[in-house]
Each structure stands twice: as structure tokens, then as C-alpha cells.
């Protein structure tokens, strides 16, 4: 999803992968593998939690291009 240049949030991730563990995937990419994934926090209030903030994740296109070049091909 990141390699496709998409912004990812939890509902998108869960719908596409069937997993609710987006934070674990991002943790692994960033902390363990060193990928420069950006986190963008946006307000997402609910009646129960008016101060709720969620994260969107993205990978800048230049890093996608670098990764594809290292693999020896484009998508």
C-alpha cells in the first residue's frame, strides 16, 4: 500500500489486509527496517472522544523509486 503511494489509515489497512495490526507493521518498517515512513496526525473526533487523533502513514515517492530501483524493476 505504501509502495503504491497511498496514504494508509487503520480502516484502509484492516479492509485490505484483514488485520488490525497497522501499528505493528509500521513499527517494523520504521524501527526494525529503517524505512522513512511519515506519520501525519489528523483530528478524528467522536462523541465519546472529542479530542481523538488518528495517524495516516505514507512513504515519499522518492523512497518508493529507490526501493524499486534496488529490486531491479518498476511496478
PDB file of N, CA and C in Angstrom:
ATOM      1  N   UNK A   1       0.821  -1.184   0.000  1.00  0.00           N
ATOM      2  CA  UNK A   1       0.000   0.000   0.000  1.00  0.00           C
ATOM      3  C   UNK A   1       0.870   1.255   0.000  1.00  0.00           C
ATOM      4  N   UNK A   2       1.930   1.241   0.807  1.00  0.00           N
ATOM      5  CA  UNK A   2       2.853   2.378   0.831  1.00  0.00           C
ATOM      6  C   UNK A   2       3.594   2.507  -0.490  1.00  0.00           C
ATOM      7  N   UNK A   3       3.980   1.388  -1.066  1.00  0.00           N
ATOM      8  CA  UNK A   3       4.712   1.412  -2.328  1.00  0.00           C
ATOM      9  C   UNK A   3       3.846   1.919  -3.477  1.00  0.00           C
ATOM     10  N   UNK A   4       2.538   1.863  -3.314  1.00  0.00           N
ATOM     11  CA  UNK A   4       1.623   2.396  -4.315  1.00  0.00           C
ATOM     12  C   UNK A   4       1.390   3.895  -4.133  1.00  0.00           C
ATOM     13  N   UNK A   5       2.053   4.485  -3.136  1.00  0.00           N
ATOM     14  CA  UNK A   5       1.927   5.918  -2.904  1.00  0.00           C
ATOM     15  C   UNK A   5       0.684   6.323  -2.143  1.00  0.00           C
ATOM     16  N   UNK A   6       0.046   5.368  -1.520  1.00  0.00           N
ATOM     17  CA  UNK A   6      -1.201   5.651  -0.814  1.00  0.00           C
ATOM     18  C   UNK A   6      -0.968   6.130   0.605  1.00  0.00           C
ATOM     19  N   UNK A   7      -1.888   6.952   1.083  1.00  0.00           N
ATOM     20  CA  UNK A   7      -1.965   7.268   2.500  1.00  0.00           C
ATOM     21  C   UNK A   7      -2.726   6.122   3.145  1.00  0.00           C
ATOM     22  N   UNK A   8      -2.219   5.617   4.247  1.00  0.00           N
ATOM     23  CA  UNK A   8      -2.852   4.476   4.904  1.00  0.00           C
ATOM     24  C   UNK A   8      -3.355   4.898   6.272  1.00  0.00           C
ATOM     25  N   UNK A   9      -4.587   4.542   6.565  1.00  0.00           N
ATOM     26  CA  UNK A   9      -5.091   4.671   7.927  1.00  0.00           C
ATOM     27  C   UNK A   9      -5.560   3.287   8.372  1.00  0.00           C
ATOM     28  N   UNK A  10      -5.952   3.189   9.606  1.00  0.00           N
ATOM     29  CA  UNK A  10      -6.309   1.886  10.160  1.00  0.00           C
ATOM     30  C   UNK A  10      -7.457   1.220   9.411  1.00  0.00           C
ATOM     31  N   UNK A  11      -8.563   1.929   9.132  1.00  0.00           N
ATOM     32  CA  UNK A  11      -9.656   1.253   8.416  1.00  0.00           C
ATOM     33  C   UNK A  11      -9.242   0.737   7.023  1.00  0.00           C
ATOM     34  N   UNK A  12      -8.442   1.504   6.297  1.00  0.00           N
ATOM     35  CA  UNK A  12      -7.978   1.041   4.979  1.00  0.00           C
ATOM     36  C   UNK A  12      -7.118  -0.207   5.111  1.00  0.00           C
ATOM     37  N   UNK A  13      -6.202  -0.184   6.075  1.00  0.00           N
ATOM     38  CA  UNK A  13      -5.304  -1.314   6.294  1.00  0.00           C
ATOM     39  C   UNK A  13      -6.091  -2.569   6.648  1.00  0.00           C
ATOM     40  N   UNK A  14      -7.035  -2.416   7.581  1.00  0.00           N
ATOM     41  CA  UNK A  14      -7.824  -3.575   8.005  1.00  0.00           C
ATOM     42  C   UNK A  14      -8.682  -4.115   6.858  1.00  0.00           C
ATOM     43  N   UNK A  15      -9.273  -3.217   6.074  1.00  0.00           N
ATOM     44  CA  UNK A  15     -10.111  -3.656   4.960  1.00  0.00           C
ATOM     45  C   UNK A  15      -9.305  -4.420   3.911  1.00  0.00           C
ATOM     46  N   UNK A  16      -8.081  -3.981   3.680  1.00  0.00           N
ATOM     47  CA  UNK A  16      -7.276  -4.608   2.628  1.00  0.00           C
ATOM     48  C   UNK A  16      -6.541  -5.857   3.100  1.00  0.00           C
ATOM     49  N   UNK A  17      -6.124  -5.877   4.359  1.00  0.00           N
ATOM     50  CA  UNK A  17      -5.302  -6.993   4.832  1.00  0.00           C
ATOM     51  C   UNK A  17      -6.031  -7.967   5.748  1.00  0.00           C
ATOM     52  N   UNK A  18      -7.162  -7.525   6.305  1.00  0.00           N
ATOM     53  CA  UNK A  18      -7.859  -8.368   7.274  1.00  0.00           C
ATOM     54  C   UNK A  18      -7.215  -8.329   8.646  1.00  0.00           C
ATOM     55  N   UNK A  19      -6.219  -7.493   8.819  1.00  0.00           N
ATOM     56  CA  UNK A  19      -5.509  -7.369  10.097  1.00  0.00           C
ATOM     57  C   UNK A  19      -5.741  -5.991  10.696  1.00  0.00           C
ATOM     58  N   UNK A  20      -5.839  -5.937  12.012  1.00  0.00           N
ATOM     59  CA  UNK A  20      -5.974  -4.658  12.692  1.00  0.00           C
ATOM     60  C   UNK A  20      -4.627  -4.166  13.201  1.00  0.00           C
ATOM     61  N   UNK A  21      -3.524  -4.834  12.835  1.00  0.00           N
ATOM     62  CA  UNK A  21      -2.212  -4.535  13.408  1.00  0.00           C
ATOM     63  C   UNK A  21      -1.367  -3.585  12.557  1.00  0.00           C
ATOM     64  N   UNK A  22      -1.958  -2.491  12.125  1.00  0.00           N
ATOM     65  CA  UNK A  22      -1.228  -1.497  11.347  1.00  0.00           C
ATOM     66  C   UNK A  22      -0.026  -0.966  12.109  1.00  0.00           C
ATOM     67  N   UNK A  23      -0.196  -0.673  13.390  1.00  0.00           N
ATOM     68  CA  UNK A  23       0.925  -0.105  14.156  1.00  0.00           C
ATOM     69  C   UNK A  23       2.102  -1.073  14.220  1.00  0.00           C
ATOM     70  N   UNK A  24       1.835  -2.358  14.278  1.00  0.00           N
ATOM     71  CA  UNK A  24       2.923  -3.345  14.301  1.00  0.00           C
ATOM     72  C   UNK A  24       3.666  -3.349  12.966  1.00  0.00           C
ATOM     73  N   UNK A  25       2.934  -3.241  11.871  1.00  0.00           N
ATOM     74  CA  UNK A  25       3.573  -3.206  10.550  1.00  0.00           C
ATOM     75  C   UNK A  25       4.416  -1.941  10.395  1.00  0.00           C
ATOM     76  N   UNK A  26       3.879  -0.805  10.818  1.00  0.00           N
ATOM     77  CA  UNK A  26       4.622   0.453  10.718  1.00  0.00           C
ATOM     78  C   UNK A  26       5.840   0.410  11.631  1.00  0.00           C
ATOM     79  N   UNK A  27       5.683  -0.112  12.840  1.00  0.00           N
ATOM     80  CA  UNK A  27       6.811  -0.229  13.772  1.00  0.00           C
ATOM     81  C   UNK A  27       7.937  -1.029  13.124  1.00  0.00           C
ATOM     82  N   UNK A  28       7.597  -2.135  12.527  1.00  0.00           N
ATOM     83  CA  UNK A  28       8.620  -2.974  11.904  1.00  0.00           C
ATOM     84  C   UNK A  28       9.312  -2.241  10.753  1.00  0.00           C
ATOM     85  N   UNK A  29       8.541  -1.600   9.888  1.00  0.00           N
ATOM     86  CA  UNK A  29       9.122  -0.875   8.769  1.00  0.00           C
ATOM     87  C   UNK A  29      10.056   0.237   9.236  1.00  0.00           C
ATOM     88  N   UNK A  30       9.623   0.996  10.226  1.00  0.00           N
ATOM     89  CA  UNK A  30      10.386   2.163  10.672  1.00  0.00           C
ATOM     90  C   UNK A  30      11.521   1.778  11.613  1.00  0.00           C
ATOM     91  N   UNK A  31      11.202   1.113  12.681  1.00  0.00           N
ATOM     92  CA  UNK A  31      12.198   0.858  13.732  1.00  0.00           C
ATOM     93  C   UNK A  31      13.139  -0.295  13.413  1.00  0.00           C
ATOM     94  N   UNK A  32      12.610  -1.344  12.823  1.00  0.00           N
ATOM     95  CA  UNK A  32      13.451  -2.517  12.572  1.00  0.00           C
ATOM     96  C   UNK A  32      14.132  -2.482  11.211  1.00  0.00           C
ATOM     97  N   UNK A  33      13.444  -1.934  10.196  1.00  0.00           N
ATOM     98  CA  UNK A  33      13.985  -1.972   8.840  1.00  0.00           C
ATOM     99  C   UNK A  33      14.478  -0.621   8.342  1.00  0.00           C
ATOM    100  N   UNK A  34      14.197   0.451   9.091  1.00  0.00           N
ATOM    101  CA  UNK A  34      14.725   1.766   8.759  1.00  0.00           C
ATOM    102  C   UNK A  34      14.018   2.515   7.639  1.00  0.00           C
ATOM    103  N   UNK A  35      12.820   2.109   7.280  1.00  0.00           N
ATOM    104  CA  UNK A  35      12.073   2.806   6.235  1.00  0.00           C
ATOM    105  C   UNK A  35      11.625   4.171   6.755  1.00  0.00           C
ATOM    106  N   UNK A  36      11.683   5.216   5.922  1.00  0.00           N
ATOM    107  CA  UNK A  36      11.298   6.567   6.339  1.00  0.00           C
ATOM    108  C   UNK A  36       9.793   6.827   6.159  1.00  0.00           C
ATOM    109  N   UNK A  37       8.991   6.063   6.857  1.00  0.00           N
ATOM    110  CA  UNK A  37       7.538   6.216   6.764  1.00  0.00           C
ATOM    111  C   UNK A  37       7.130   7.453   7.562  1.00  0.00           C
ATOM    112  N   UNK A  38       6.349   8.310   6.928  1.00  0.00           N
ATOM    113  CA  UNK A  38       5.867   9.514   7.592  1.00  0.00           C
ATOM    114  C   UNK A  38       4.542   9.231   8.292  1.00  0.00           C
ATOM    115  N   UNK A  39       4.377   9.849   9.441  1.00  0.00           N
ATOM    116  CA  UNK A  39       3.132   9.767  10.197  1.00  0.00           C
ATOM    117  C   UNK A  39       2.507  11.154  10.210  1.00  0.00           C
ATOM    118  N   UNK A  40       1.269  11.241   9.783  1.00  0.00           N
ATOM    119  CA  UNK A  40       0.547  12.503   9.754  1.00  0.00           C
ATOM    120  C   UNK A  40      -0.638  12.368  10.696  1.00  0.00           C
ATOM    121  N   UNK A  41      -0.651  13.154  11.757  1.00  0.00           N
ATOM    122  CA  UNK A  41      -1.742  13.085  12.720  1.00  0.00           C
ATOM    123  C   UNK A  41      -2.857  14.035  12.314  1.00  0.00           C
ATOM    124  N   UNK A  42      -4.076  13.514  12.334  1.00  0.00           N
ATOM    125  CA  UNK A  42      -5.231  14.336  11.974  1.00  0.00           C
ATOM    126  C   UNK A  42      -6.324  14.172  13.033  1.00  0.00           C
ATOM    127  N   UNK A  43      -7.059  15.239  13.292  1.00  0.00           N
ATOM    128  CA  UNK A  43      -8.173  15.121  14.229  1.00  0.00           C
ATOM    129  C   UNK A  43      -9.241  14.185  13.676  1.00  0.00           C
ATOM    130  N   UNK A  44      -9.778  13.352  14.528  1.00  0.00           N
ATOM    131  CA  UNK A  44     -10.843  12.432  14.149  1.00  0.00           C
ATOM    132  C   UNK A  44     -11.776  12.245  15.344  1.00  0.00           C
ATOM    133  N   UNK A  45     -12.429  13.333  15.753  1.00  0.00           N
ATOM    134  CA  UNK A  45     -13.237  13.276  16.973  1.00  0.00           C
ATOM    135  C   UNK A  45     -14.447  12.364  16.844  1.00  0.00           C
ATOM    136  N   UNK A  46     -14.832  11.797  17.959  1.00  0.00           N
ATOM    137  CA  UNK A  46     -16.069  11.035  18.060  1.00  0.00           C
ATOM    138  C   UNK A  46     -16.859  11.623  19.221  1.00  0.00           C
ATOM    139  N   UNK A  47     -18.107  11.209  19.370  1.00  0.00           N
ATOM    140  CA  UNK A  47     -18.901  11.683  20.501  1.00  0.00           C
ATOM    141  C   UNK A  47     -18.270  11.271  21.825  1.00  0.00           C
ATOM    142  N   UNK A  48     -17.719  10.047  21.873  1.00  0.00           N
ATOM    143  CA  UNK A  48     -17.108   9.545  23.096  1.00  0.00           C
ATOM    144  C   UNK A  48     -15.725  10.122  23.356  1.00  0.00           C
ATOM    145  N   UNK A  49     -15.034  10.540  22.299  1.00  0.00           N
ATOM    146  CA  UNK A  49     -13.661  11.040  22.428  1.00  0.00           C
ATOM    147  C   UNK A  49     -13.461  12.248  21.510  1.00  0.00           C
ATOM    148  N   UNK A  50     -13.909  13.424  21.954  1.00  0.00           N
ATOM    149  CA  UNK A  50     -13.841  14.601  21.092  1.00  0.00           C
ATOM    150  C   UNK A  50     -12.415  15.037  20.742  1.00  0.00           C
ATOM    151  N   UNK A  51     -11.433  14.647  21.524  1.00  0.00           N
ATOM    152  CA  UNK A  51     -10.051  15.012  21.252  1.00  0.00           C
ATOM    153  C   UNK A  51      -9.278  13.951  20.489  1.00  0.00           C
ATOM    154  N   UNK A  52      -9.956  12.964  19.945  1.00  0.00           N
ATOM    155  CA  UNK A  52      -9.318  11.834  19.264  1.00  0.00           C
ATOM    156  C   UNK A  52      -8.502  12.299  18.051  1.00  0.00           C
ATOM    157  N   UNK A  53      -7.321  11.733  17.942  1.00  0.00           N
ATOM    158  CA  UNK A  53      -6.423  11.988  16.816  1.00  0.00           C
ATOM    159  C   UNK A  53      -6.006  10.634  16.249  1.00  0.00           C
ATOM    160  N   UNK A  54      -6.010  10.520  14.934  1.00  0.00           N
ATOM    161  CA  UNK A  54      -5.543   9.284  14.299  1.00  0.00           C
ATOM    162  C   UNK A  54      -4.354   9.602  13.399  1.00  0.00           C
ATOM    163  N   UNK A  55      -3.642   8.570  13.014  1.00  0.00           N
ATOM    164  CA  UNK A  55      -2.474   8.752  12.155  1.00  0.00           C
ATOM    165  C   UNK A  55      -2.746   8.211  10.760  1.00  0.00           C
ATOM    166  N   UNK A  56      -2.240   8.945   9.783  1.00  0.00           N
ATOM    167  CA  UNK A  56      -2.159   8.474   8.410  1.00  0.00           C
ATOM    168  C   UNK A  56      -0.682   8.221   8.149  1.00  0.00           C
ATOM    169  N   UNK A  57      -0.380   7.205   7.383  1.00  0.00           N
ATOM    170  CA  UNK A  57       1.010   6.874   7.089  1.00  0.00           C
ATOM    171  C   UNK A  57       1.246   6.962   5.595  1.00  0.00           C
ATOM    172  N   UNK A  58       2.451   7.407   5.228  1.00  0.00           N
ATOM    173  CA  UNK A  58       2.801   7.497   3.808  1.00  0.00           C
ATOM    174  C   UNK A  58       4.296   7.315   3.646  1.00  0.00           C
ATOM    175  N   UNK A  59       4.674   6.949   2.453  1.00  0.00           N
ATOM    176  CA  UNK A  59       6.079   6.816   2.086  1.00  0.00           C
ATOM    177  C   UNK A  59       6.310   7.728   0.895  1.00  0.00           C
ATOM    178  N   UNK A  60       7.240   8.659   1.020  1.00  0.00           N
ATOM    179  CA  UNK A  60       7.517   9.605  -0.057  1.00  0.00           C
ATOM    180  C   UNK A  60       7.908   8.852  -1.326  1.00  0.00           C
ATOM    181  N   UNK A  61       7.466   9.370  -2.459  1.00  0.00           N
ATOM    182  CA  UNK A  61       7.687   8.714  -3.751  1.00  0.00           C
ATOM    183  C   UNK A  61       9.165   8.476  -4.059  1.00  0.00           C
ATOM    184  N   UNK A  62      10.046   9.347  -3.578  1.00  0.00           N
ATOM    185  CA  UNK A  62      11.470   9.137  -3.877  1.00  0.00           C
ATOM    186  C   UNK A  62      11.981   7.848  -3.240  1.00  0.00           C
ATOM    187  N   UNK A  63      11.433   7.462  -2.081  1.00  0.00           N
ATOM    188  CA  UNK A  63      11.865   6.224  -1.444  1.00  0.00           C
ATOM    189  C   UNK A  63      11.260   5.013  -2.145  1.00  0.00           C
ATOM    190  N   UNK A  64      10.054   5.171  -2.656  1.00  0.00           N
ATOM    191  CA  UNK A  64       9.455   4.104  -3.444  1.00  0.00           C
ATOM    192  C   UNK A  64      10.306   3.839  -4.680  1.00  0.00           C
ATOM    193  N   UNK A  65      10.711   4.907  -5.358  1.00  0.00           N
ATOM    194  CA  UNK A  65      11.556   4.778  -6.558  1.00  0.00           C
ATOM    195  C   UNK A  65      12.880   4.106  -6.224  1.00  0.00           C
ATOM    196  N   UNK A  66      13.475   4.483  -5.101  1.00  0.00           N
ATOM    197  CA  UNK A  66      14.746   3.880  -4.694  1.00  0.00           C
ATOM    198  C   UNK A  66      14.585   2.398  -4.431  1.00  0.00           C
ATOM    199  N   UNK A  67      13.515   2.035  -3.727  1.00  0.00           N
ATOM    200  CA  UNK A  67      13.288   0.623  -3.412  1.00  0.00           C
ATOM    201  C   UNK A  67      13.064  -0.177  -4.688  1.00  0.00           C
ATOM    202  N   UNK A  68      12.300   0.379  -5.621  1.00  0.00           N
ATOM    203  CA  UNK A  68      12.056  -0.331  -6.874  1.00  0.00           C
ATOM    204  C   UNK A  68      13.335  -0.481  -7.686  1.00  0.00           C
ATOM    205  N   UNK A  69      14.165   0.567  -7.664  1.00  0.00           N
ATOM    206  CA  UNK A  69      15.441   0.502  -8.388  1.00  0.00           C
ATOM    207  C   UNK A  69      16.341  -0.575  -7.800  1.00  0.00           C
ATOM    208  N   UNK A  70      16.325  -0.716  -6.483  1.00  0.00           N
ATOM    209  CA  UNK A  70      17.139  -1.739  -5.818  1.00  0.00           C
ATOM    210  C   UNK A  70      16.650  -3.139  -6.162  1.00  0.00           C
ATOM    211  N   UNK A  71      15.339  -3.258  -6.426  1.00  0.00           N
ATOM    212  CA  UNK A  71      14.783  -4.553  -6.814  1.00  0.00           C
ATOM    213  C   UNK A  71      15.019  -4.851  -8.282  1.00  0.00           C
ATOM    214  N   UNK A  72      15.403  -3.820  -9.022  1.00  0.00           N
ATOM    215  CA  UNK A  72      15.701  -4.025 -10.429  1.00  0.00           C
ATOM    216  C   UNK A  72      14.504  -3.930 -11.360  1.00  0.00           C
ATOM    217  N   UNK A  73      13.466  -3.236 -10.923  1.00  0.00           N
ATOM    218  CA  UNK A  73      12.326  -3.108 -11.811  1.00  0.00           C
ATOM    219  C   UNK A  73      11.294  -2.153 -11.272  1.00  0.00           C
ATOM    220  N   UNK A  74      10.357  -1.835 -12.105  1.00  0.00           N
ATOM    221  CA  UNK A  74       9.270  -0.953 -11.710  1.00  0.00           C
ATOM    222  C   UNK A  74       7.994  -1.767 -11.550  1.00  0.00           C
ATOM    223  N   UNK A  75       7.036  -1.176 -10.879  1.00  0.00           N
ATOM    224  CA  UNK A  75       5.736  -1.818 -10.667  1.00  0.00           C
ATOM    225  C   UNK A  75       4.801  -1.431 -11.755  1.00  0.00           C
TER     226      UNK A  75
END
